[in-house]
C-alpha atoms as a PDB file:
ATOM      1  CA  UNK A   1      10.708  17.078 -25.407  1.00  0.00           C
ATOM      2  CA  UNK A   2      10.535  19.260 -22.102  1.00  0.00           C
ATOM      3  CA  UNK A   3       9.489  17.596 -19.187  1.00  0.00           C
ATOM      4  CA  UNK A   4       6.892  18.934 -17.070  1.00  0.00           C
ATOM      5  CA  UNK A   5       7.005  19.999 -13.869  1.00  0.00           C
ATOM      6  CA  UNK A   6       5.262  16.679 -12.357  1.00  0.00           C
ATOM      7  CA  UNK A   7       7.571  14.652 -14.512  1.00  0.00           C
ATOM      8  CA  UNK A   8      10.586  15.670 -13.246  1.00  0.00           C
ATOM      9  CA  UNK A   9       9.473  14.814  -9.694  1.00  0.00           C
ATOM     10  CA  UNK A  10       7.981  11.959 -10.691  1.00  0.00           C
ATOM     11  CA  UNK A  11      11.773  10.591 -12.420  1.00  0.00           C
ATOM     12  CA  UNK A  12      13.292  12.273  -9.192  1.00  0.00           C
ATOM     13  CA  UNK A  13      11.252  10.036  -6.734  1.00  0.00           C
ATOM     14  CA  UNK A  14      11.551   7.205  -8.986  1.00  0.00           C
ATOM     15  CA  UNK A  15      15.557   7.378  -8.705  1.00  0.00           C
ATOM     16  CA  UNK A  16      15.142   7.959  -4.691  1.00  0.00           C
ATOM     17  CA  UNK A  17      12.933   4.903  -4.408  1.00  0.00           C
ATOM     18  CA  UNK A  18      15.317   2.864  -6.722  1.00  0.00           C
ATOM     19  CA  UNK A  19      18.038   3.475  -4.320  1.00  0.00           C
ATOM     20  CA  UNK A  20      15.568   2.984  -1.281  1.00  0.00           C
ATOM     21  CA  UNK A  21      14.803  -0.466  -3.617  1.00  0.00           C
ATOM     22  CA  UNK A  22      18.472  -1.649  -3.638  1.00  0.00           C
ATOM     23  CA  UNK A  23      19.423  -0.460   0.041  1.00  0.00           C
ATOM     24  CA  UNK A  24      16.431  -2.779   1.516  1.00  0.00           C
ATOM     25  CA  UNK A  25      17.824  -5.703  -0.556  1.00  0.00           C
ATOM     26  CA  UNK A  26      21.062  -5.414   0.445  1.00  0.00           C
ATOM     27  CA  UNK A  27      19.717  -5.522   3.692  1.00  0.00           C
ATOM     28  CA  UNK A  28      17.908  -8.611   3.308  1.00  0.00           C
ATOM     29  CA  UNK A  29      20.742  -9.997   1.536  1.00  0.00           C
ATOM     30  CA  UNK A  30      22.803  -9.817   4.362  1.00  0.00           C
ATOM     31  CA  UNK A  31      20.460 -11.207   6.991  1.00  0.00           C
ATOM     32  CA  UNK A  32      20.016 -14.157   4.896  1.00  0.00           C
ATOM     33  CA  UNK A  33      23.875 -14.936   4.467  1.00  0.00           C
ATOM     34  CA  UNK A  34      23.469 -15.188   8.083  1.00  0.00           C
ATOM     35  CA  UNK A  35      20.368 -17.288   8.400  1.00  0.00           C
ATOM     36  CA  UNK A  36      20.062 -18.831   5.744  1.00  0.00           C
ATOM     37  CA  UNK A  37      22.970 -19.658   3.512  1.00  0.00           C
ATOM     38  CA  UNK A  38      21.796 -22.099   2.024  1.00  0.00           C
ATOM     39  CA  UNK A  39      18.851 -20.218   0.483  1.00  0.00           C
ATOM     40  CA  UNK A  40      15.803 -18.484   1.749  1.00  0.00           C
ATOM     41  CA  UNK A  41      12.942 -21.613   2.404  1.00  0.00           C
ATOM     42  CA  UNK A  42       9.979 -22.064   4.465  1.00  0.00           C
ATOM     43  CA  UNK A  43       9.551 -22.865   7.288  1.00  0.00           C
ATOM     44  CA  UNK A  44      11.024 -19.684   9.142  1.00  0.00           C
ATOM     45  CA  UNK A  45      14.077 -19.984  11.299  1.00  0.00           C
ATOM     46  CA  UNK A  46      14.611 -18.551  14.657  1.00  0.00           C
ATOM     47  CA  UNK A  47      16.087 -15.313  14.903  1.00  0.00           C
ATOM     48  CA  UNK A  48      16.471 -12.964  18.349  1.00  0.00           C
ATOM     49  CA  UNK A  49      14.206 -11.216  19.486  1.00  0.00           C
ATOM     50  CA  UNK A  50      16.548  -8.171  19.235  1.00  0.00           C
ATOM     51  CA  UNK A  51      16.952  -8.651  15.411  1.00  0.00           C
ATOM     52  CA  UNK A  52      12.978  -9.147  15.183  1.00  0.00           C
ATOM     53  CA  UNK A  53      12.639  -5.710  17.051  1.00  0.00           C
ATOM     54  CA  UNK A  54      15.797  -4.073  15.036  1.00  0.00           C
ATOM     55  CA  UNK A  55      13.442  -5.174  11.843  1.00  0.00           C
ATOM     56  CA  UNK A  56      10.865  -3.949  12.666  1.00  0.00           C
ATOM     57  CA  UNK A  57      12.118  -0.392  13.679  1.00  0.00           C
ATOM     58  CA  UNK A  58      13.375  -0.597  10.392  1.00  0.00           C
ATOM     59  CA  UNK A  59      10.327  -0.974   8.187  1.00  0.00           C
ATOM     60  CA  UNK A  60       8.955   2.163  10.257  1.00  0.00           C
ATOM     61  CA  UNK A  61      11.870   3.734   8.954  1.00  0.00           C
ATOM     62  CA  UNK A  62      11.327   3.018   5.539  1.00  0.00           C
ATOM     63  CA  UNK A  63       7.753   4.561   5.789  1.00  0.00           C
ATOM     64  CA  UNK A  64       9.413   7.691   7.370  1.00  0.00           C
ATOM     65  CA  UNK A  65      11.598   8.060   4.855  1.00  0.00           C
ATOM     66  CA  UNK A  66       8.970   7.389   1.554  1.00  0.00           C
ATOM     67  CA  UNK A  67       6.479  10.079   3.610  1.00  0.00           C
ATOM     68  CA  UNK A  68       9.820  12.518   3.888  1.00  0.00           C
ATOM     69  CA  UNK A  69       9.989  12.210  -0.046  1.00  0.00           C
ATOM     70  CA  UNK A  70       6.427  12.779  -0.490  1.00  0.00           C
ATOM     71  CA  UNK A  71       6.254  15.721   1.513  1.00  0.00           C
ATOM     72  CA  UNK A  72       9.397  17.056  -0.370  1.00  0.00           C
ATOM     73  CA  UNK A  73       7.747  16.303  -3.732  1.00  0.00           C
ATOM     74  CA  UNK A  74       4.297  18.250  -3.673  1.00  0.00           C
ATOM     75  CA  UNK A  75       2.527  20.876  -1.211  1.00  0.00           C
ATOM     76  CA  UNK A  76      -1.003  19.827  -1.272  1.00  0.00           C
ATOM     77  CA  UNK A  77      -2.352  16.574   0.852  1.00  0.00           C
ATOM     78  CA  UNK A  78      -3.039  14.798  -2.281  1.00  0.00           C
ATOM     79  CA  UNK A  79      -0.597  15.282  -4.374  1.00  0.00           C
ATOM     80  CA  UNK A  80       1.898  13.899  -1.342  1.00  0.00           C
ATOM     81  CA  UNK A  81      -0.444  11.030  -0.944  1.00  0.00           C
ATOM     82  CA  UNK A  82       0.142   9.781  -4.651  1.00  0.00           C
ATOM     83  CA  UNK A  83       3.960  10.489  -4.637  1.00  0.00           C
ATOM     84  CA  UNK A  84       3.972   8.793  -1.721  1.00  0.00           C
ATOM     85  CA  UNK A  85       2.154   5.724  -3.004  1.00  0.00           C
ATOM     86  CA  UNK A  86       4.327   5.924  -6.237  1.00  0.00           C
ATOM     87  CA  UNK A  87       7.139   5.648  -4.344  1.00  0.00           C
ATOM     88  CA  UNK A  88       6.130   2.842  -2.337  1.00  0.00           C
ATOM     89  CA  UNK A  89       5.296   0.955  -4.974  1.00  0.00           C
ATOM     90  CA  UNK A  90       8.684   1.906  -7.013  1.00  0.00           C
ATOM     91  CA  UNK A  91      10.684   0.863  -3.931  1.00  0.00           C
ATOM     92  CA  UNK A  92       8.961  -2.761  -3.473  1.00  0.00           C
ATOM     93  CA  UNK A  93       9.217  -3.521  -7.060  1.00  0.00           C
ATOM     94  CA  UNK A  94      12.701  -2.727  -7.636  1.00  0.00           C
ATOM     95  CA  UNK A  95      14.051  -4.634  -4.183  1.00  0.00           C
ATOM     96  CA  UNK A  96      12.790  -7.832  -6.229  1.00  0.00           C
ATOM     97  CA  UNK A  97      14.497  -6.623  -8.942  1.00  0.00           C
ATOM     98  CA  UNK A  98      17.376  -6.161  -7.297  1.00  0.00           C
ATOM     99  CA  UNK A  99      16.880  -9.252  -5.696  1.00  0.00           C
ATOM    100  CA  UNK A 100      16.907 -11.436  -8.106  1.00  0.00           C
ATOM    101  CA  UNK A 101      20.073  -9.418 -10.045  1.00  0.00           C
ATOM    102  CA  UNK A 102      22.273 -10.143  -7.177  1.00  0.00           C
ATOM    103  CA  UNK A 103      21.326 -13.686  -5.796  1.00  0.00           C
ATOM    104  CA  UNK A 104      18.680 -14.881  -8.352  1.00  0.00           C
ATOM    105  CA  UNK A 105      15.787 -14.783  -6.080  1.00  0.00           C
ATOM    106  CA  UNK A 106      12.891 -15.298  -6.298  1.00  0.00           C
ATOM    107  CA  UNK A 107      12.714 -18.281  -8.082  1.00  0.00           C
ATOM    108  CA  UNK A 108       9.186 -16.932  -9.777  1.00  0.00           C
ATOM    109  CA  UNK A 109       6.754 -14.912  -9.221  1.00  0.00           C
ATOM    110  CA  UNK A 110       5.341 -17.659  -7.207  1.00  0.00           C
ATOM    111  CA  UNK A 111       7.582 -17.574  -4.552  1.00  0.00           C
ATOM    112  CA  UNK A 112       6.187 -17.053  -1.079  1.00  0.00           C
ATOM    113  CA  UNK A 113       8.136 -14.407   1.009  1.00  0.00           C
ATOM    114  CA  UNK A 114       7.672 -12.502   3.869  1.00  0.00           C
ATOM    115  CA  UNK A 115       6.484  -9.434   3.005  1.00  0.00           C
ATOM    116  CA  UNK A 116       5.995  -7.157   6.269  1.00  0.00           C
ATOM    117  CA  UNK A 117       5.458  -7.093  10.077  1.00  0.00           C
ATOM    118  CA  UNK A 118       3.941  -4.272  10.922  1.00  0.00           C
ATOM    119  CA  UNK A 119       1.369  -5.361  12.845  1.00  0.00           C
ATOM    120  CA  UNK A 120       1.852  -8.588  12.085  1.00  0.00           C
ATOM    121  CA  UNK A 121       4.004 -10.863   9.832  1.00  0.00           C
ATOM    122  CA  UNK A 122       2.675 -10.389   5.953  1.00  0.00           C
ATOM    123  CA  UNK A 123       2.914 -13.415   3.326  1.00  0.00           C
ATOM    124  CA  UNK A 124       2.130 -14.136   0.178  1.00  0.00           C
ATOM    125  CA  UNK A 125       3.261 -15.178  -3.228  1.00  0.00           C
ATOM    126  CA  UNK A 126       5.915 -12.192  -4.655  1.00  0.00           C
ATOM    127  CA  UNK A 127       3.595 -11.481  -7.714  1.00  0.00           C
ATOM    128  CA  UNK A 128       0.753 -10.245  -5.000  1.00  0.00           C
ATOM    129  CA  UNK A 129       2.895  -7.378  -3.770  1.00  0.00           C
ATOM    130  CA  UNK A 130       4.258  -6.646  -7.134  1.00  0.00           C
ATOM    131  CA  UNK A 131       0.414  -6.467  -8.544  1.00  0.00           C
ATOM    132  CA  UNK A 132      -0.413  -3.796  -5.659  1.00  0.00           C
ATOM    133  CA  UNK A 133       2.894  -1.881  -6.309  1.00  0.00           C
ATOM    134  CA  UNK A 134       1.688  -1.629 -10.291  1.00  0.00           C
ATOM    135  CA  UNK A 135      -2.116  -0.661  -9.012  1.00  0.00           C
ATOM    136  CA  UNK A 136      -0.657   2.039  -6.811  1.00  0.00           C
ATOM    137  CA  UNK A 137       2.094   3.453  -9.589  1.00  0.00           C
ATOM    138  CA  UNK A 138      -1.502   3.763 -12.199  1.00  0.00           C
ATOM    139  CA  UNK A 139      -3.344   5.363  -9.421  1.00  0.00           C
ATOM    140  CA  UNK A 140      -0.490   7.876  -8.428  1.00  0.00           C
ATOM    141  CA  UNK A 141      -0.680   8.667 -12.063  1.00  0.00           C
ATOM    142  CA  UNK A 142      -4.144   9.067 -12.486  1.00  0.00           C
ATOM    143  CA  UNK A 143      -4.229  11.732  -9.683  1.00  0.00           C
ATOM    144  CA  UNK A 144      -1.120  13.679 -10.665  1.00  0.00           C
ATOM    145  CA  UNK A 145      -2.119  13.979 -14.241  1.00  0.00           C
ATOM    146  CA  UNK A 146      -5.846  13.935 -14.447  1.00  0.00           C
ATOM    147  CA  UNK A 147      -6.370  17.045 -12.194  1.00  0.00           C
ATOM    148  CA  UNK A 148      -8.653  19.836 -13.798  1.00  0.00           C
ATOM    149  CA  UNK A 149      -6.339  22.906 -13.373  1.00  0.00           C
ATOM    150  CA  UNK A 150      -9.344  25.137 -12.817  1.00  0.00           C
ATOM    151  CA  UNK A 151     -11.169  23.149 -10.222  1.00  0.00           C
ATOM    152  CA  UNK A 152     -10.507  21.827  -6.785  1.00  0.00           C
ATOM    153  CA  UNK A 153      -9.555  18.075  -6.856  1.00  0.00           C
ATOM    154  CA  UNK A 154     -10.774  16.102  -4.233  1.00  0.00           C
ATOM    155  CA  UNK A 155     -10.767  12.592  -3.663  1.00  0.00           C
ATOM    156  CA  UNK A 156     -13.822  12.357  -1.904  1.00  0.00           C
ATOM    157  CA  UNK A 157     -15.461  10.022   0.775  1.00  0.00           C
ATOM    158  CA  UNK A 158     -16.629   7.592  -1.964  1.00  0.00           C
ATOM    159  CA  UNK A 159     -13.141   7.015  -3.478  1.00  0.00           C
ATOM    160  CA  UNK A 160     -11.763   7.202  -0.180  1.00  0.00           C
ATOM    161  CA  UNK A 161     -13.961   4.529   1.095  1.00  0.00           C
ATOM    162  CA  UNK A 162     -13.329   2.308  -1.503  1.00  0.00           C
ATOM    163  CA  UNK A 163      -9.406   2.398  -0.796  1.00  0.00           C
ATOM    164  CA  UNK A 164      -9.582   2.011   2.387  1.00  0.00           C
ATOM    165  CA  UNK A 165     -11.580  -1.467   2.303  1.00  0.00           C
ATOM    166  CA  UNK A 166     -10.191  -2.616  -0.697  1.00  0.00           C
ATOM    167  CA  UNK A 167      -6.442  -1.864   1.288  1.00  0.00           C
ATOM    168  CA  UNK A 168      -7.900  -3.774   4.357  1.00  0.00           C
ATOM    169  CA  UNK A 169      -9.091  -6.859   2.283  1.00  0.00           C
ATOM    170  CA  UNK A 170      -5.655  -7.132   0.698  1.00  0.00           C
ATOM    171  CA  UNK A 171      -4.001  -6.778   3.979  1.00  0.00           C
ATOM    172  CA  UNK A 172      -6.047  -9.809   5.215  1.00  0.00           C
ATOM    173  CA  UNK A 173      -5.552 -12.052   2.417  1.00  0.00           C
ATOM    174  CA  UNK A 174      -1.503 -11.755   3.047  1.00  0.00           C
ATOM    175  CA  UNK A 175      -2.284 -12.089   6.981  1.00  0.00           C
ATOM    176  CA  UNK A 176      -5.045 -14.522   7.890  1.00  0.00           C
ATOM    177  CA  UNK A 177      -3.526 -17.818   7.406  1.00  0.00           C
ATOM    178  CA  UNK A 178      -0.197 -16.622   9.395  1.00  0.00           C
ATOM    179  CA  UNK A 179      -2.374 -15.059  11.870  1.00  0.00           C
ATOM    180  CA  UNK A 180      -4.749 -18.062  12.267  1.00  0.00           C
ATOM    181  CA  UNK A 181      -1.811 -20.196  12.988  1.00  0.00           C
ATOM    182  CA  UNK A 182      -0.614 -18.110  15.651  1.00  0.00           C
ATOM    183  CA  UNK A 183      -4.124 -17.769  16.964  1.00  0.00           C
ATOM    184  CA  UNK A 184      -3.697 -21.578  17.964  1.00  0.00           C
ATOM    185  CA  UNK A 185      -1.745 -21.241  20.570  1.00  0.00           C
ATOM    186  CA  UNK A 186      -1.355 -17.199  21.133  1.00  0.00           C
ATOM    187  CA  UNK A 187      -4.263 -14.785  22.043  1.00  0.00           C
ATOM    188  CA  UNK A 188      -4.687 -11.764  19.293  1.00  0.00           C
ATOM    189  CA  UNK A 189      -3.643  -9.596  22.572  1.00  0.00           C
ATOM    190  CA  UNK A 190       0.134 -11.559  22.409  1.00  0.00           C
ATOM    191  CA  UNK A 191       0.468 -11.399  19.188  1.00  0.00           C
ATOM    192  CA  UNK A 192      -0.217  -7.889  18.587  1.00  0.00           C
ATOM    193  CA  UNK A 193       2.127  -6.895  21.980  1.00  0.00           C
ATOM    194  CA  UNK A 194       4.007  -9.412  20.952  1.00  0.00           C
ATOM    195  CA  UNK A 195       3.620 -10.653  24.614  1.00  0.00           C
ATOM    196  CA  UNK A 196       5.652 -13.757  24.986  1.00  0.00           C
ATOM    197  CA  UNK A 197       7.927 -13.282  22.137  1.00  0.00           C
ATOM    198  CA  UNK A 198      10.775 -15.977  22.406  1.00  0.00           C
ATOM    199  CA  UNK A 199       7.697 -18.248  22.471  1.00  0.00           C
ATOM    200  CA  UNK A 200       5.731 -17.068  19.563  1.00  0.00           C
ATOM    201  CA  UNK A 201       9.407 -16.966  17.678  1.00  0.00           C
ATOM    202  CA  UNK A 202      10.239 -20.577  18.011  1.00  0.00           C
ATOM    203  CA  UNK A 203       6.379 -21.626  17.076  1.00  0.00           C
ATOM    204  CA  UNK A 204       6.116 -19.059  14.115  1.00  0.00           C
ATOM    205  CA  UNK A 205       9.435 -21.464  13.114  1.00  0.00           C
ATOM    206  CA  UNK A 206       7.339 -24.222  12.324  1.00  0.00           C
ATOM    207  CA  UNK A 207       4.934 -22.486   9.937  1.00  0.00           C
ATOM    208  CA  UNK A 208       4.776 -23.082   6.221  1.00  0.00           C
ATOM    209  CA  UNK A 209       2.623 -21.195   3.921  1.00  0.00           C
ATOM    210  CA  UNK A 210       0.060 -23.644   2.345  1.00  0.00           C
ATOM    211  CA  UNK A 211      -2.612 -21.509   0.078  1.00  0.00           C
ATOM    212  CA  UNK A 212      -2.758 -17.961  -0.817  1.00  0.00           C
ATOM    213  CA  UNK A 213      -6.423 -16.512  -0.862  1.00  0.00           C
ATOM    214  CA  UNK A 214      -6.103 -15.368  -4.204  1.00  0.00           C
ATOM    215  CA  UNK A 215     -10.191 -14.770  -4.350  1.00  0.00           C
ATOM    216  CA  UNK A 216      -9.873 -12.327  -1.090  1.00  0.00           C
ATOM    217  CA  UNK A 217      -6.785 -10.641  -2.661  1.00  0.00           C
ATOM    218  CA  UNK A 218      -8.211  -9.693  -5.812  1.00  0.00           C
ATOM    219  CA  UNK A 219     -11.808  -8.702  -4.298  1.00  0.00           C
ATOM    220  CA  UNK A 220      -9.259  -5.787  -2.899  1.00  0.00           C
ATOM    221  CA  UNK A 221      -7.402  -5.162  -6.199  1.00  0.00           C
ATOM    222  CA  UNK A 222     -11.341  -5.054  -8.318  1.00  0.00           C
ATOM    223  CA  UNK A 223     -12.214  -2.397  -5.320  1.00  0.00           C
ATOM    224  CA  UNK A 224      -9.280  -0.549  -5.906  1.00  0.00           C
ATOM    225  CA  UNK A 225      -9.227  -0.631  -9.568  1.00  0.00           C
ATOM    226  CA  UNK A 226     -13.329   0.701  -8.937  1.00  0.00           C
ATOM    227  CA  UNK A 227     -11.880   3.579  -7.007  1.00  0.00           C
ATOM    228  CA  UNK A 228      -9.649   4.342  -9.853  1.00  0.00           C
ATOM    229  CA  UNK A 229     -12.253   4.192 -12.680  1.00  0.00           C
ATOM    230  CA  UNK A 230     -14.462   6.411 -10.252  1.00  0.00           C
ATOM    231  CA  UNK A 231     -12.077   9.333 -10.316  1.00  0.00           C
ATOM    232  CA  UNK A 232     -11.847   9.020 -13.784  1.00  0.00           C
ATOM    233  CA  UNK A 233     -14.975   8.984 -14.536  1.00  0.00           C
ATOM    234  CA  UNK A 234     -15.393  11.753 -12.140  1.00  0.00           C
ATOM    235  CA  UNK A 235     -12.747  13.705 -13.597  1.00  0.00           C
ATOM    236  CA  UNK A 236     -13.719  13.772 -17.149  1.00  0.00           C
ATOM    237  CA  UNK A 237     -17.359  15.307 -15.713  1.00  0.00           C
ATOM    238  CA  UNK A 238     -15.363  18.051 -14.486  1.00  0.00           C
ATOM    239  CA  UNK A 239     -13.338  18.700 -17.717  1.00  0.00           C
ATOM    240  CA  UNK A 240     -16.608  18.776 -19.389  1.00  0.00           C
ATOM    241  CA  UNK A 241     -17.956  21.278 -17.030  1.00  0.00           C
ATOM    242  CA  UNK A 242     -15.187  23.502 -17.353  1.00  0.00           C
ATOM    243  CA  UNK A 243     -14.782  23.357 -21.123  1.00  0.00           C
ATOM    244  CA  UNK A 244     -18.528  23.712 -21.266  1.00  0.00           C
ATOM    245  CA  UNK A 245     -18.542  27.079 -19.046  1.00  0.00           C
ATOM    246  CA  UNK A 246     -15.542  28.260 -21.064  1.00  0.00           C
ATOM    247  CA  UNK A 247     -17.307  27.256 -24.274  1.00  0.00           C
END
């Protein structure tokens, strides 16, 4: 069966994202070999401020790379957005796949992990970002394959509001416990600006995650699914209008 142009592009973007996932897992394996030779576990070990700065900008570079492939893959803003979240999701899923294949980690989908450092530390069980990633893939495919060919396609302010609100709620679920822990000693401004960075890194080594706010996380997920459902409903209506006019 001949692949459509969109399907071919999705395949190529997926290959790029999978390669990025391997590269990301390799970097993490090197870091863990230095700081966690006995295996990664909380509490976190203190690392140098220089390495933290390097990690921060490595994550920024990763986002730039994903944006770059999305800009190359499509011409319209909405399609570029779809390819960006698609590439991000594939990269994130295969990051964990390669970690498991190479070093047998995580032991389960409920294993805690440090997910991100922008603008503060994100922490959660592995299954949470995996769920997010599959939702992102679903959203990307809905955008790319359900656009009426004869009508302009926009998400609209309501869908964008749902996507942004859902994302903010999910980010809160990842950062709330750690951020609350850091606020016991440092101000909001100090945490965001990384002032007193050595003291913050030292204090962070005493943090052990206790509870993941699944209710908050699933609320954000449900809002995202509602946005996808709204897109599908509006697309069906648009197709009905086009077919009615043509008939």
